[in-house]
Amino acid sequence: MHLFLFSDGGSRGNPGPAGCGAVVCDQHGAVLKKIKKYIGVTTNNQAEYRALIKALEQAKVMGAKKLHCFLDSELLVKQLNREYRVKEPGLQVLYLKAYNLAQQFASI
């Protein structure tokens, strides 16, 4: 199964009250799942990672093998593509979780 993931997270203040969300679509653009969650007080970057993690977990449950992920966070994209190092300890744990989840798909 080939899925498209759209994820985003944000906080009001940095850190501040935060939420994350994602939409999972099939290859024809049909929405299969919407995810939204209040995640407490956190930073923008942590909220972005949490959104991606929720989307990846959902894709795994749905049996996806191939993913196209769309994110608006340059930091996350470059960290996950190993172009930037993950320096902040709060992001390191989330990075590892997202990276390990990504390894479970044939292509991402």
PDB file of N, CA and C in Angstrom:
ATOM      1  N   MET A   1       0.847  -1.184   0.000  1.00  0.00           N
ATOM      2  CA  MET A   1       0.000   0.000   0.000  1.00  0.00           C
ATOM      3  C   MET A   1       0.884   1.237   0.000  1.00  0.00           C
ATOM      4  N   HIS A   2       0.499   2.226  -0.774  1.00  0.00           N
ATOM      5  CA  HIS A   2       1.241   3.464  -0.937  1.00  0.00           C
ATOM      6  C   HIS A   2       0.391   4.606  -0.373  1.00  0.00           C
ATOM      7  N   LEU A   3       0.904   5.285   0.649  1.00  0.00           N
ATOM      8  CA  LEU A   3       0.137   6.352   1.303  1.00  0.00           C
ATOM      9  C   LEU A   3       0.871   7.686   1.240  1.00  0.00           C
ATOM     10  N   PHE A   4       0.100   8.751   1.357  1.00  0.00           N
ATOM     11  CA  PHE A   4       0.631  10.103   1.425  1.00  0.00           C
ATOM     12  C   PHE A   4       0.307  10.660   2.806  1.00  0.00           C
ATOM     13  N   LEU A   5       1.321  11.187   3.485  1.00  0.00           N
ATOM     14  CA  LEU A   5       1.158  11.733   4.837  1.00  0.00           C
ATOM     15  C   LEU A   5       1.418  13.230   4.814  1.00  0.00           C
ATOM     16  N   PHE A   6       0.527  13.973   5.427  1.00  0.00           N
ATOM     17  CA  PHE A   6       0.685  15.412   5.592  1.00  0.00           C
ATOM     18  C   PHE A   6       0.637  15.674   7.091  1.00  0.00           C
ATOM     19  N   SER A   7       1.708  16.236   7.649  1.00  0.00           N
ATOM     20  CA  SER A   7       1.727  16.445   9.096  1.00  0.00           C
ATOM     21  C   SER A   7       2.196  17.854   9.422  1.00  0.00           C
ATOM     22  N   ASP A   8       1.729  18.340  10.576  1.00  0.00           N
ATOM     23  CA  ASP A   8       2.101  19.667  11.041  1.00  0.00           C
ATOM     24  C   ASP A   8       1.909  19.730  12.551  1.00  0.00           C
ATOM     25  N   GLY A   9       2.705  20.550  13.174  1.00  0.00           N
ATOM     26  CA  GLY A   9       2.586  20.769  14.605  1.00  0.00           C
ATOM     27  C   GLY A   9       2.948  22.213  14.903  1.00  0.00           C
ATOM     28  N   GLY A  10       2.489  22.705  16.017  1.00  0.00           N
ATOM     29  CA  GLY A  10       2.813  24.071  16.381  1.00  0.00           C
ATOM     30  C   GLY A  10       2.489  24.356  17.827  1.00  0.00           C
ATOM     31  N   SER A  11       3.094  25.436  18.320  1.00  0.00           N
ATOM     32  CA  SER A  11       2.824  25.849  19.695  1.00  0.00           C
ATOM     33  C   SER A  11       2.575  27.350  19.718  1.00  0.00           C
ATOM     34  N   ARG A  12       1.793  27.770  20.669  1.00  0.00           N
ATOM     35  CA  ARG A  12       1.527  29.186  20.875  1.00  0.00           C
ATOM     36  C   ARG A  12       2.531  29.658  21.907  1.00  0.00           C
ATOM     37  N   GLY A  13       3.589  30.248  21.444  1.00  0.00           N
ATOM     38  CA  GLY A  13       4.751  30.542  22.276  1.00  0.00           C
ATOM     39  C   GLY A  13       5.749  29.432  21.995  1.00  0.00           C
ATOM     40  N   ASN A  14       6.943  29.600  22.447  1.00  0.00           N
ATOM     41  CA  ASN A  14       7.943  28.578  22.144  1.00  0.00           C
ATOM     42  C   ASN A  14       8.892  28.412  23.324  1.00  0.00           C
ATOM     43  N   PRO A  15       8.546  27.606  24.309  1.00  0.00           N
ATOM     44  CA  PRO A  15       7.437  26.648  24.334  1.00  0.00           C
ATOM     45  C   PRO A  15       6.116  27.310  24.728  1.00  0.00           C
ATOM     46  N   GLY A  16       5.063  26.542  24.496  1.00  0.00           N
ATOM     47  CA  GLY A  16       3.725  26.988  24.838  1.00  0.00           C
ATOM     48  C   GLY A  16       2.731  25.876  24.591  1.00  0.00           C
ATOM     49  N   PRO A  17       1.443  26.142  24.783  1.00  0.00           N
ATOM     50  CA  PRO A  17       0.429  25.124  24.510  1.00  0.00           C
ATOM     51  C   PRO A  17       0.553  24.693  23.047  1.00  0.00           C
ATOM     52  N   ALA A  18       0.539  23.382  22.825  1.00  0.00           N
ATOM     53  CA  ALA A  18       0.844  22.878  21.486  1.00  0.00           C
ATOM     54  C   ALA A  18      -0.125  21.798  21.039  1.00  0.00           C
ATOM     55  N   GLY A  19      -0.165  21.624  19.738  1.00  0.00           N
ATOM     56  CA  GLY A  19      -0.974  20.574  19.143  1.00  0.00           C
ATOM     57  C   GLY A  19      -0.277  20.022  17.921  1.00  0.00           C
ATOM     58  N   CYS A  20      -0.732  18.857  17.502  1.00  0.00           N
ATOM     59  CA  CYS A  20      -0.182  18.257  16.296  1.00  0.00           C
ATOM     60  C   CYS A  20      -1.315  17.613  15.516  1.00  0.00           C
ATOM     61  N   GLY A  21      -1.093  17.494  14.232  1.00  0.00           N
ATOM     62  CA  GLY A  21      -2.110  16.888  13.400  1.00  0.00           C
ATOM     63  C   GLY A  21      -1.510  16.284  12.151  1.00  0.00           C
ATOM     64  N   ALA A  22      -2.279  15.400  11.544  1.00  0.00           N
ATOM     65  CA  ALA A  22      -1.832  14.760  10.308  1.00  0.00           C
ATOM     66  C   ALA A  22      -3.042  14.270   9.532  1.00  0.00           C
ATOM     67  N   VAL A  23      -2.837  14.142   8.240  1.00  0.00           N
ATOM     68  CA  VAL A  23      -3.842  13.570   7.358  1.00  0.00           C
ATOM     69  C   VAL A  23      -3.153  12.476   6.557  1.00  0.00           C
ATOM     70  N   VAL A  24      -3.793  11.318   6.482  1.00  0.00           N
ATOM     71  CA  VAL A  24      -3.286  10.188   5.715  1.00  0.00           C
ATOM     72  C   VAL A  24      -4.207  10.001   4.514  1.00  0.00           C
ATOM     73  N   CYS A  25      -3.614  10.006   3.310  1.00  0.00           N
ATOM     74  CA  CYS A  25      -4.384   9.864   2.071  1.00  0.00           C
ATOM     75  C   CYS A  25      -3.860   8.687   1.257  1.00  0.00           C
ATOM     76  N   ASP A  26      -4.745   8.153   0.415  1.00  0.00           N
ATOM     77  CA  ASP A  26      -4.294   7.125  -0.522  1.00  0.00           C
ATOM     78  C   ASP A  26      -3.694   7.806  -1.752  1.00  0.00           C
ATOM     79  N   GLN A  27      -3.241   7.004  -2.716  1.00  0.00           N
ATOM     80  CA  GLN A  27      -2.557   7.558  -3.880  1.00  0.00           C
ATOM     81  C   GLN A  27      -3.481   8.367  -4.787  1.00  0.00           C
ATOM     82  N   HIS A  28      -4.779   8.290  -4.564  1.00  0.00           N
ATOM     83  CA  HIS A  28      -5.745   9.054  -5.352  1.00  0.00           C
ATOM     84  C   HIS A  28      -6.176  10.334  -4.635  1.00  0.00           C
ATOM     85  N   GLY A  29      -5.652  10.565  -3.430  1.00  0.00           N
ATOM     86  CA  GLY A  29      -5.981  11.768  -2.672  1.00  0.00           C
ATOM     87  C   GLY A  29      -7.153  11.628  -1.723  1.00  0.00           C
ATOM     88  N   ALA A  30      -7.732  10.447  -1.644  1.00  0.00           N
ATOM     89  CA  ALA A  30      -8.843  10.230  -0.715  1.00  0.00           C
ATOM     90  C   ALA A  30      -8.318  10.215   0.719  1.00  0.00           C
ATOM     91  N   VAL A  31      -8.951  10.965   1.593  1.00  0.00           N
ATOM     92  CA  VAL A  31      -8.541  11.022   2.995  1.00  0.00           C
ATOM     93  C   VAL A  31      -8.961   9.728   3.687  1.00  0.00           C
ATOM     94  N   LEU A  32      -7.970   9.041   4.258  1.00  0.00           N
ATOM     95  CA  LEU A  32      -8.223   7.785   4.962  1.00  0.00           C
ATOM     96  C   LEU A  32      -8.295   7.982   6.473  1.00  0.00           C
ATOM     97  N   LYS A  33      -7.543   8.961   6.963  1.00  0.00           N
ATOM     98  CA  LYS A  33      -7.489   9.172   8.413  1.00  0.00           C
ATOM     99  C   LYS A  33      -7.064  10.604   8.701  1.00  0.00           C
ATOM    100  N   LYS A  34      -7.730  11.213   9.691  1.00  0.00           N
ATOM    101  CA  LYS A  34      -7.340  12.525  10.202  1.00  0.00           C
ATOM    102  C   LYS A  34      -6.918  12.341  11.652  1.00  0.00           C
ATOM    103  N   ILE A  35      -5.817  12.956  12.006  1.00  0.00           N
ATOM    104  CA  ILE A  35      -5.273  12.844  13.360  1.00  0.00           C
ATOM    105  C   ILE A  35      -5.107  14.255  13.917  1.00  0.00           C
ATOM    106  N   LYS A  36      -5.562  14.476  15.143  1.00  0.00           N
ATOM    107  CA  LYS A  36      -5.329  15.759  15.803  1.00  0.00           C
ATOM    108  C   LYS A  36      -5.229  15.495  17.295  1.00  0.00           C
ATOM    109  N   LYS A  37      -4.315  16.224  17.933  1.00  0.00           N
ATOM    110  CA  LYS A  37      -4.105  15.974  19.353  1.00  0.00           C
ATOM    111  C   LYS A  37      -3.482  17.191  20.026  1.00  0.00           C
ATOM    112  N   TYR A  38      -4.020  17.532  21.175  1.00  0.00           N
ATOM    113  CA  TYR A  38      -3.378  18.523  22.042  1.00  0.00           C
ATOM    114  C   TYR A  38      -2.252  17.795  22.767  1.00  0.00           C
ATOM    115  N   ILE A  39      -1.066  18.369  22.782  1.00  0.00           N
ATOM    116  CA  ILE A  39       0.085  17.659  23.355  1.00  0.00           C
ATOM    117  C   ILE A  39       0.719  18.381  24.543  1.00  0.00           C
ATOM    118  N   GLY A  40       0.019  19.348  25.102  1.00  0.00           N
ATOM    119  CA  GLY A  40       0.539  20.037  26.271  1.00  0.00           C
ATOM    120  C   GLY A  40       1.476  21.165  25.891  1.00  0.00           C
ATOM    121  N   VAL A  41       2.318  21.549  26.821  1.00  0.00           N
ATOM    122  CA  VAL A  41       3.269  22.639  26.595  1.00  0.00           C
ATOM    123  C   VAL A  41       4.556  22.054  26.030  1.00  0.00           C
ATOM    124  N   THR A  42       4.915  22.535  24.854  1.00  0.00           N
ATOM    125  CA  THR A  42       6.121  22.040  24.184  1.00  0.00           C
ATOM    126  C   THR A  42       6.584  23.072  23.163  1.00  0.00           C
ATOM    127  N   THR A  43       7.662  22.789  22.469  1.00  0.00           N
ATOM    128  CA  THR A  43       8.176  23.707  21.459  1.00  0.00           C
ATOM    129  C   THR A  43       7.559  23.400  20.098  1.00  0.00           C
ATOM    130  N   ASN A  44       7.710  24.335  19.170  1.00  0.00           N
ATOM    131  CA  ASN A  44       7.234  24.125  17.807  1.00  0.00           C
ATOM    132  C   ASN A  44       7.867  22.886  17.181  1.00  0.00           C
ATOM    133  N   ASN A  45       9.178  22.759  17.320  1.00  0.00           N
ATOM    134  CA  ASN A  45       9.876  21.629  16.691  1.00  0.00           C
ATOM    135  C   ASN A  45       9.454  20.296  17.292  1.00  0.00           C
ATOM    136  N   GLN A  46       9.246  20.256  18.598  1.00  0.00           N
ATOM    137  CA  GLN A  46       8.773  19.022  19.219  1.00  0.00           C
ATOM    138  C   GLN A  46       7.376  18.674  18.720  1.00  0.00           C
ATOM    139  N   ALA A  47       6.529  19.684  18.545  1.00  0.00           N
ATOM    140  CA  ALA A  47       5.175  19.450  18.033  1.00  0.00           C
ATOM    141  C   ALA A  47       5.231  18.925  16.595  1.00  0.00           C
ATOM    142  N   GLU A  48       6.141  19.446  15.794  1.00  0.00           N
ATOM    143  CA  GLU A  48       6.307  18.968  14.414  1.00  0.00           C
ATOM    144  C   GLU A  48       6.702  17.489  14.412  1.00  0.00           C
ATOM    145  N   TYR A  49       7.652  17.122  15.259  1.00  0.00           N
ATOM    146  CA  TYR A  49       8.078  15.709  15.345  1.00  0.00           C
ATOM    147  C   TYR A  49       6.926  14.824  15.815  1.00  0.00           C
ATOM    148  N   ARG A  50       6.187  15.283  16.812  1.00  0.00           N
ATOM    149  CA  ARG A  50       5.080  14.469  17.340  1.00  0.00           C
ATOM    150  C   ARG A  50       4.021  14.233  16.268  1.00  0.00           C
ATOM    151  N   ALA A  51       3.768  15.231  15.424  1.00  0.00           N
ATOM    152  CA  ALA A  51       2.807  15.074  14.328  1.00  0.00           C
ATOM    153  C   ALA A  51       3.287  14.008  13.346  1.00  0.00           C
ATOM    154  N   LEU A  52       4.553  14.075  12.974  1.00  0.00           N
ATOM    155  CA  LEU A  52       5.098  13.082  12.043  1.00  0.00           C
ATOM    156  C   LEU A  52       5.054  11.686  12.650  1.00  0.00           C
ATOM    157  N   ILE A  53       5.411  11.565  13.905  1.00  0.00           N
ATOM    158  CA  ILE A  53       5.396  10.260  14.577  1.00  0.00           C
ATOM    159  C   ILE A  53       3.984   9.676  14.576  1.00  0.00           C
ATOM    160  N   LYS A  54       2.992  10.499  14.904  1.00  0.00           N
ATOM    161  CA  LYS A  54       1.593  10.022  14.884  1.00  0.00           C
ATOM    162  C   LYS A  54       1.217   9.532  13.484  1.00  0.00           C
ATOM    163  N   ALA A  55       1.616  10.269  12.455  1.00  0.00           N
ATOM    164  CA  ALA A  55       1.299   9.879  11.076  1.00  0.00           C
ATOM    165  C   ALA A  55       1.999   8.578  10.697  1.00  0.00           C
ATOM    166  N   LEU A  56       3.260   8.434  11.069  1.00  0.00           N
ATOM    167  CA  LEU A  56       4.002   7.210  10.762  1.00  0.00           C
ATOM    168  C   LEU A  56       3.405   6.005  11.489  1.00  0.00           C
ATOM    169  N   GLU A  57       3.028   6.196  12.740  1.00  0.00           N
ATOM    170  CA  GLU A  57       2.399   5.104  13.493  1.00  0.00           C
ATOM    171  C   GLU A  57       1.095   4.674  12.827  1.00  0.00           C
ATOM    172  N   GLN A  58       0.310   5.642  12.376  1.00  0.00           N
ATOM    173  CA  GLN A  58      -0.957   5.327  11.718  1.00  0.00           C
ATOM    174  C   GLN A  58      -0.713   4.593  10.399  1.00  0.00           C
ATOM    175  N   ALA A  59       0.270   5.036   9.634  1.00  0.00           N
ATOM    176  CA  ALA A  59       0.587   4.386   8.357  1.00  0.00           C
ATOM    177  C   ALA A  59       1.011   2.935   8.578  1.00  0.00           C
ATOM    178  N   LYS A  60       1.748   2.705   9.647  1.00  0.00           N
ATOM    179  CA  LYS A  60       2.173   1.339   9.972  1.00  0.00           C
ATOM    180  C   LYS A  60       0.965   0.460  10.289  1.00  0.00           C
ATOM    181  N   VAL A  61       0.048   0.982  11.106  1.00  0.00           N
ATOM    182  CA  VAL A  61      -1.169   0.249  11.459  1.00  0.00           C
ATOM    183  C   VAL A  61      -1.985  -0.075  10.203  1.00  0.00           C
ATOM    184  N   MET A  62      -1.976   0.830   9.244  1.00  0.00           N
ATOM    185  CA  MET A  62      -2.751   0.654   8.020  1.00  0.00           C
ATOM    186  C   MET A  62      -2.063  -0.281   7.012  1.00  0.00           C
ATOM    187  N   GLY A  63      -0.853  -0.722   7.332  1.00  0.00           N
ATOM    188  CA  GLY A  63      -0.160  -1.661   6.473  1.00  0.00           C
ATOM    189  C   GLY A  63       0.576  -1.048   5.297  1.00  0.00           C
ATOM    190  N   ALA A  64       0.897   0.225   5.373  1.00  0.00           N
ATOM    191  CA  ALA A  64       1.602   0.898   4.278  1.00  0.00           C
ATOM    192  C   ALA A  64       3.010   0.335   4.107  1.00  0.00           C
ATOM    193  N   LYS A  65       3.440   0.296   2.869  1.00  0.00           N
ATOM    194  CA  LYS A  65       4.811  -0.128   2.540  1.00  0.00           C
ATOM    195  C   LYS A  65       5.626   1.052   2.019  1.00  0.00           C
ATOM    196  N   LYS A  66       4.952   1.932   1.267  1.00  0.00           N
ATOM    197  CA  LYS A  66       5.604   3.105   0.687  1.00  0.00           C
ATOM    198  C   LYS A  66       4.882   4.357   1.146  1.00  0.00           C
ATOM    199  N   LEU A  67       5.670   5.395   1.470  1.00  0.00           N
ATOM    200  CA  LEU A  67       5.102   6.648   1.954  1.00  0.00           C
ATOM    201  C   LEU A  67       5.696   7.839   1.227  1.00  0.00           C
ATOM    202  N   HIS A  68       4.860   8.831   1.022  1.00  0.00           N
ATOM    203  CA  HIS A  68       5.298  10.162   0.621  1.00  0.00           C
ATOM    204  C   HIS A  68       4.907  11.059   1.777  1.00  0.00           C
ATOM    205  N   CYS A  69       5.889  11.694   2.405  1.00  0.00           N
ATOM    206  CA  CYS A  69       5.620  12.535   3.571  1.00  0.00           C
ATOM    207  C   CYS A  69       5.805  14.002   3.201  1.00  0.00           C
ATOM    208  N   PHE A  70       4.842  14.809   3.610  1.00  0.00           N
ATOM    209  CA  PHE A  70       4.885  16.240   3.347  1.00  0.00           C
ATOM    210  C   PHE A  70       4.883  16.974   4.684  1.00  0.00           C
ATOM    211  N   LEU A  71       5.955  17.736   4.931  1.00  0.00           N
ATOM    212  CA  LEU A  71       6.112  18.490   6.173  1.00  0.00           C
ATOM    213  C   LEU A  71       6.489  19.914   5.819  1.00  0.00           C
ATOM    214  N   ASP A  72       6.161  20.855   6.685  1.00  0.00           N
ATOM    215  CA  ASP A  72       6.558  22.237   6.425  1.00  0.00           C
ATOM    216  C   ASP A  72       7.741  22.671   7.279  1.00  0.00           C
ATOM    217  N   SER A  73       8.359  21.754   7.983  1.00  0.00           N
ATOM    218  CA  SER A  73       9.494  22.075   8.845  1.00  0.00           C
ATOM    219  C   SER A  73      10.803  21.685   8.158  1.00  0.00           C
ATOM    220  N   GLU A  74      11.522  22.694   7.702  1.00  0.00           N
ATOM    221  CA  GLU A  74      12.822  22.433   7.077  1.00  0.00           C
ATOM    222  C   GLU A  74      13.748  21.711   8.046  1.00  0.00           C
ATOM    223  N   LEU A  75      13.700  22.091   9.319  1.00  0.00           N
ATOM    224  CA  LEU A  75      14.562  21.469  10.317  1.00  0.00           C
ATOM    225  C   LEU A  75      14.327  19.957  10.376  1.00  0.00           C
ATOM    226  N   LEU A  76      13.087  19.540  10.487  1.00  0.00           N
ATOM    227  CA  LEU A  76      12.779  18.103  10.556  1.00  0.00           C
ATOM    228  C   LEU A  76      13.236  17.374   9.302  1.00  0.00           C
ATOM    229  N   VAL A  77      12.901  17.929   8.155  1.00  0.00           N
ATOM    230  CA  VAL A  77      13.261  17.282   6.897  1.00  0.00           C
ATOM    231  C   VAL A  77      14.772  17.106   6.805  1.00  0.00           C
ATOM    232  N   LYS A  78      15.514  18.162   7.111  1.00  0.00           N
ATOM    233  CA  LYS A  78      16.979  18.074   7.001  1.00  0.00           C
ATOM    234  C   LYS A  78      17.575  17.174   8.082  1.00  0.00           C
ATOM    235  N   GLN A  79      16.994  17.151   9.272  1.00  0.00           N
ATOM    236  CA  GLN A  79      17.481  16.230  10.304  1.00  0.00           C
ATOM    237  C   GLN A  79      17.205  14.785   9.900  1.00  0.00           C
ATOM    238  N   LEU A  80      16.000  14.510   9.419  1.00  0.00           N
ATOM    239  CA  LEU A  80      15.658  13.138   9.049  1.00  0.00           C
ATOM    240  C   LEU A  80      16.416  12.665   7.808  1.00  0.00           C
ATOM    241  N   ASN A  81      16.811  13.600   6.947  1.00  0.00           N
ATOM    242  CA  ASN A  81      17.637  13.255   5.792  1.00  0.00           C
ATOM    243  C   ASN A  81      19.122  13.285   6.130  1.00  0.00           C
ATOM    244  N   ARG A  82      19.425  13.507   7.388  1.00  0.00           N
ATOM    245  CA  ARG A  82      20.780  13.497   7.941  1.00  0.00           C
ATOM    246  C   ARG A  82      21.664  14.589   7.367  1.00  0.00           C
ATOM    247  N   GLU A  83      21.029  15.709   7.003  1.00  0.00           N
ATOM    248  CA  GLU A  83      21.781  16.875   6.540  1.00  0.00           C
ATOM    249  C   GLU A  83      22.127  17.789   7.713  1.00  0.00           C
ATOM    250  N   TYR A  84      21.275  17.799   8.747  1.00  0.00           N
ATOM    251  CA  TYR A  84      21.518  18.567   9.967  1.00  0.00           C
ATOM    252  C   TYR A  84      21.642  17.597  11.127  1.00  0.00           C
ATOM    253  N   ARG A  85      22.498  17.952  12.076  1.00  0.00           N
ATOM    254  CA  ARG A  85      22.586  17.184  13.317  1.00  0.00           C
ATOM    255  C   ARG A  85      21.427  17.562  14.233  1.00  0.00           C
ATOM    256  N   VAL A  86      21.087  16.638  15.120  1.00  0.00           N
ATOM    257  CA  VAL A  86      20.046  16.900  16.117  1.00  0.00           C
ATOM    258  C   VAL A  86      20.782  17.227  17.411  1.00  0.00           C
ATOM    259  N   LYS A  87      20.855  18.510  17.723  1.00  0.00           N
ATOM    260  CA  LYS A  87      21.634  18.967  18.873  1.00  0.00           C
ATOM    261  C   LYS A  87      20.817  19.037  20.156  1.00  0.00           C
ATOM    262  N   GLU A  88      19.551  19.431  20.046  1.00  0.00           N
ATOM    263  CA  GLU A  88      18.727  19.673  21.226  1.00  0.00           C
ATOM    264  C   GLU A  88      18.262  18.360  21.839  1.00  0.00           C
ATOM    265  N   PRO A  89      18.559  18.125  23.122  1.00  0.00           N
ATOM    266  CA  PRO A  89      18.201  16.848  23.756  1.00  0.00           C
ATOM    267  C   PRO A  89      16.721  16.489  23.667  1.00  0.00           C
ATOM    268  N   GLY A  90      15.848  17.475  23.764  1.00  0.00           N
ATOM    269  CA  GLY A  90      14.411  17.212  23.673  1.00  0.00           C
ATOM    270  C   GLY A  90      14.000  16.696  22.304  1.00  0.00           C
ATOM    271  N   LEU A  91      14.753  17.053  21.271  1.00  0.00           N
ATOM    272  CA  LEU A  91      14.458  16.579  19.920  1.00  0.00           C
ATOM    273  C   LEU A  91      15.126  15.244  19.615  1.00  0.00           C
ATOM    274  N   GLN A  92      16.226  14.947  20.294  1.00  0.00           N
ATOM    275  CA  GLN A  92      16.957  13.710  20.008  1.00  0.00           C
ATOM    276  C   GLN A  92      16.088  12.471  20.205  1.00  0.00           C
ATOM    277  N   VAL A  93      15.316  12.430  21.267  1.00  0.00           N
ATOM    278  CA  VAL A  93      14.436  11.290  21.545  1.00  0.00           C
ATOM    279  C   VAL A  93      13.367  11.172  20.460  1.00  0.00           C
ATOM    280  N   LEU A  94      12.777  12.312  20.088  1.00  0.00           N
ATOM    281  CA  LEU A  94      11.737  12.309  19.060  1.00  0.00           C
ATOM    282  C   LEU A  94      12.312  11.955  17.695  1.00  0.00           C
ATOM    283  N   TYR A  95      13.507  12.442  17.408  1.00  0.00           N
ATOM    284  CA  TYR A  95      14.175  12.112  16.150  1.00  0.00           C
ATOM    285  C   TYR A  95      14.381  10.599  16.051  1.00  0.00           C
ATOM    286  N   LEU A  96      14.893   9.995  17.112  1.00  0.00           N
ATOM    287  CA  LEU A  96      15.141   8.547  17.096  1.00  0.00           C
ATOM    288  C   LEU A  96      13.863   7.760  16.886  1.00  0.00           C
ATOM    289  N   LYS A  97      12.803   8.188  17.522  1.00  0.00           N
ATOM    290  CA  LYS A  97      11.521   7.498  17.356  1.00  0.00           C
ATOM    291  C   LYS A  97      11.042   7.611  15.909  1.00  0.00           C
ATOM    292  N   ALA A  98      11.087   8.816  15.344  1.00  0.00           N
ATOM    293  CA  ALA A  98      10.652   9.022  13.959  1.00  0.00           C
ATOM    294  C   ALA A  98      11.561   8.253  12.997  1.00  0.00           C
ATOM    295  N   TYR A  99      12.852   8.312  13.221  1.00  0.00           N
ATOM    296  CA  TYR A  99      13.806   7.632  12.344  1.00  0.00           C
ATOM    297  C   TYR A  99      13.581   6.115  12.373  1.00  0.00           C
ATOM    298  N   ASN A 100      13.412   5.561  13.554  1.00  0.00           N
ATOM    299  CA  ASN A 100      13.182   4.119  13.680  1.00  0.00           C
ATOM    300  C   ASN A 100      11.859   3.698  13.039  1.00  0.00           C
ATOM    301  N   LEU A 101      10.827   4.499  13.195  1.00  0.00           N
ATOM    302  CA  LEU A 101       9.565   4.200  12.535  1.00  0.00           C
ATOM    303  C   LEU A 101       9.735   4.227  11.015  1.00  0.00           C
ATOM    304  N   ALA A 102      10.467   5.214  10.517  1.00  0.00           N
ATOM    305  CA  ALA A 102      10.675   5.351   9.070  1.00  0.00           C
ATOM    306  C   ALA A 102      11.396   4.135   8.477  1.00  0.00           C
ATOM    307  N   GLN A 103      12.249   3.518   9.259  1.00  0.00           N
ATOM    308  CA  GLN A 103      13.008   2.352   8.785  1.00  0.00           C
ATOM    309  C   GLN A 103      12.119   1.145   8.532  1.00  0.00           C
ATOM    310  N   GLN A 104      10.902   1.183   9.023  1.00  0.00           N
ATOM    311  CA  GLN A 104       9.991   0.036   8.882  1.00  0.00           C
ATOM    312  C   GLN A 104       9.220   0.040   7.562  1.00  0.00           C
ATOM    313  N   PHE A 105       9.481   1.034   6.723  1.00  0.00           N
ATOM    314  CA  PHE A 105       8.796   1.128   5.430  1.00  0.00           C
ATOM    315  C   PHE A 105       9.797   0.857   4.307  1.00  0.00           C
ATOM    316  N   ALA A 106       9.304   0.275   3.203  1.00  0.00           N
ATOM    317  CA  ALA A 106      10.172  -0.035   2.073  1.00  0.00           C
ATOM    318  C   ALA A 106      10.754   1.233   1.449  1.00  0.00           C
ATOM    319  N   SER A 107       9.956   2.288   1.372  1.00  0.00           N
ATOM    320  CA  SER A 107      10.462   3.584   0.909  1.00  0.00           C
ATOM    321  C   SER A 107       9.656   4.690   1.570  1.00  0.00           C
ATOM    322  N   ILE A 108      10.340   5.776   1.784  1.00  0.00           N
ATOM    323  CA  ILE A 108       9.711   6.922   2.440  1.00  0.00           C
ATOM    324  C   ILE A 108      10.322   8.188   1.881  1.00  0.00           C
TER     325      ILE A 108
END
